[in-house]
């Protein structure tokens, strides 16, 4: 799992989620797996203290296309 360093909203959300003490699910962010980039969400496991993938909210695409899709579909959140 990788997070976009080109997308400021993603960086802010990862920072916020890293500081959450309880279990939580992130807002949509731009992230990647071995299959490619997508808009998805991560889960904060409070007991284990790590972030893990929660959902994939789009198809796989380039990082630039995922950022564009995020801005179009989720930019107002």
C-alpha atoms as a PDB file:
ATOM      1  CA  UNK A   1       0.000   0.000   0.000  1.00  0.00           C
ATOM      2  CA  UNK A   2       1.327   3.382  -1.028  1.00  0.00           C
ATOM      3  CA  UNK A   3      -0.068   6.896  -0.659  1.00  0.00           C
ATOM      4  CA  UNK A   4       0.164   9.708  -3.190  1.00  0.00           C
ATOM      5  CA  UNK A   5       2.803  12.299  -2.327  1.00  0.00           C
ATOM      6  CA  UNK A   6       1.514  14.477  -5.184  1.00  0.00           C
ATOM      7  CA  UNK A   7      -1.909  14.981  -3.577  1.00  0.00           C
ATOM      8  CA  UNK A   8      -2.065  17.316  -0.573  1.00  0.00           C
ATOM      9  CA  UNK A   9      -5.480  16.160   0.666  1.00  0.00           C
ATOM     10  CA  UNK A  10      -4.201  12.570   0.841  1.00  0.00           C
ATOM     11  CA  UNK A  11      -1.167  13.644   2.875  1.00  0.00           C
ATOM     12  CA  UNK A  12      -3.358  15.593   5.326  1.00  0.00           C
ATOM     13  CA  UNK A  13      -5.743  12.661   5.779  1.00  0.00           C
ATOM     14  CA  UNK A  14      -2.901  10.174   6.388  1.00  0.00           C
ATOM     15  CA  UNK A  15      -1.426  12.529   8.991  1.00  0.00           C
ATOM     16  CA  UNK A  16      -4.849  12.874  10.656  1.00  0.00           C
ATOM     17  CA  UNK A  17      -5.434   9.115  10.662  1.00  0.00           C
ATOM     18  CA  UNK A  18      -1.968   8.461  12.103  1.00  0.00           C
ATOM     19  CA  UNK A  19      -2.908  10.562  15.131  1.00  0.00           C
ATOM     20  CA  UNK A  20      -6.328   8.992  15.760  1.00  0.00           C
ATOM     21  CA  UNK A  21      -6.307   6.886  18.926  1.00  0.00           C
ATOM     22  CA  UNK A  22      -9.482   4.911  18.230  1.00  0.00           C
ATOM     23  CA  UNK A  23     -10.410   2.656  15.344  1.00  0.00           C
ATOM     24  CA  UNK A  24     -11.473   4.728  12.349  1.00  0.00           C
ATOM     25  CA  UNK A  25     -11.949   4.710   8.570  1.00  0.00           C
ATOM     26  CA  UNK A  26     -10.418   7.521   6.524  1.00  0.00           C
ATOM     27  CA  UNK A  27     -12.033   9.838   4.035  1.00  0.00           C
ATOM     28  CA  UNK A  28     -11.330   8.843   0.406  1.00  0.00           C
ATOM     29  CA  UNK A  29      -7.643   9.237  -0.526  1.00  0.00           C
ATOM     30  CA  UNK A  30      -5.371   8.536  -3.503  1.00  0.00           C
ATOM     31  CA  UNK A  31      -3.471   5.309  -2.891  1.00  0.00           C
ATOM     32  CA  UNK A  32      -1.898   2.380  -4.716  1.00  0.00           C
ATOM     33  CA  UNK A  33      -1.438  -1.354  -4.544  1.00  0.00           C
ATOM     34  CA  UNK A  34       0.635  -3.608  -6.763  1.00  0.00           C
ATOM     35  CA  UNK A  35      -2.193  -3.405  -9.334  1.00  0.00           C
ATOM     36  CA  UNK A  36      -2.121   0.390  -9.687  1.00  0.00           C
ATOM     37  CA  UNK A  37      -3.410   3.681  -8.300  1.00  0.00           C
ATOM     38  CA  UNK A  38      -6.981   4.188  -7.107  1.00  0.00           C
ATOM     39  CA  UNK A  39      -9.228   6.234  -4.826  1.00  0.00           C
ATOM     40  CA  UNK A  40      -9.822   4.296  -1.646  1.00  0.00           C
ATOM     41  CA  UNK A  41      -9.955   4.368   2.129  1.00  0.00           C
ATOM     42  CA  UNK A  42      -7.754   3.071   4.931  1.00  0.00           C
ATOM     43  CA  UNK A  43      -8.608   1.686   8.349  1.00  0.00           C
ATOM     44  CA  UNK A  44      -6.814   2.614  11.576  1.00  0.00           C
ATOM     45  CA  UNK A  45      -6.398  -0.412  13.847  1.00  0.00           C
ATOM     46  CA  UNK A  46      -6.140   1.119  17.331  1.00  0.00           C
ATOM     47  CA  UNK A  47      -4.923  -2.064  19.014  1.00  0.00           C
ATOM     48  CA  UNK A  48      -2.144  -2.778  16.507  1.00  0.00           C
ATOM     49  CA  UNK A  49      -1.421   0.894  15.766  1.00  0.00           C
ATOM     50  CA  UNK A  50      -1.245   0.711  11.975  1.00  0.00           C
ATOM     51  CA  UNK A  51      -3.152   1.743   8.861  1.00  0.00           C
ATOM     52  CA  UNK A  52      -4.458  -0.930   6.509  1.00  0.00           C
ATOM     53  CA  UNK A  53      -6.497  -0.897   3.309  1.00  0.00           C
ATOM     54  CA  UNK A  54     -10.261  -0.660   3.868  1.00  0.00           C
ATOM     55  CA  UNK A  55     -11.924  -0.143   0.490  1.00  0.00           C
ATOM     56  CA  UNK A  56     -11.222   0.572  -3.160  1.00  0.00           C
ATOM     57  CA  UNK A  57     -13.684   3.169  -4.446  1.00  0.00           C
ATOM     58  CA  UNK A  58     -12.522   3.253  -8.077  1.00  0.00           C
ATOM     59  CA  UNK A  59     -10.878   1.178 -10.765  1.00  0.00           C
ATOM     60  CA  UNK A  60      -7.086   1.061 -11.092  1.00  0.00           C
ATOM     61  CA  UNK A  61      -5.455   3.846 -13.111  1.00  0.00           C
ATOM     62  CA  UNK A  62      -2.409   6.136 -13.230  1.00  0.00           C
ATOM     63  CA  UNK A  63      -1.645   8.317 -10.206  1.00  0.00           C
ATOM     64  CA  UNK A  64      -2.498  11.447 -12.186  1.00  0.00           C
ATOM     65  CA  UNK A  65      -5.872  10.023 -13.254  1.00  0.00           C
ATOM     66  CA  UNK A  66      -6.632   8.948  -9.667  1.00  0.00           C
ATOM     67  CA  UNK A  67      -5.901  12.480  -8.421  1.00  0.00           C
ATOM     68  CA  UNK A  68      -8.140  13.927 -11.142  1.00  0.00           C
ATOM     69  CA  UNK A  69     -10.925  11.480 -10.248  1.00  0.00           C
ATOM     70  CA  UNK A  70     -10.573  12.332  -6.553  1.00  0.00           C
ATOM     71  CA  UNK A  71     -10.851  16.050  -7.294  1.00  0.00           C
ATOM     72  CA  UNK A  72     -13.921  15.512  -9.483  1.00  0.00           C
ATOM     73  CA  UNK A  73     -15.777  12.972  -7.302  1.00  0.00           C
ATOM     74  CA  UNK A  74     -14.591  13.711  -3.750  1.00  0.00           C
ATOM     75  CA  UNK A  75     -13.006  17.173  -3.809  1.00  0.00           C
ATOM     76  CA  UNK A  76     -15.888  18.809  -1.988  1.00  0.00           C
ATOM     77  CA  UNK A  77     -15.818  16.501   1.045  1.00  0.00           C
END
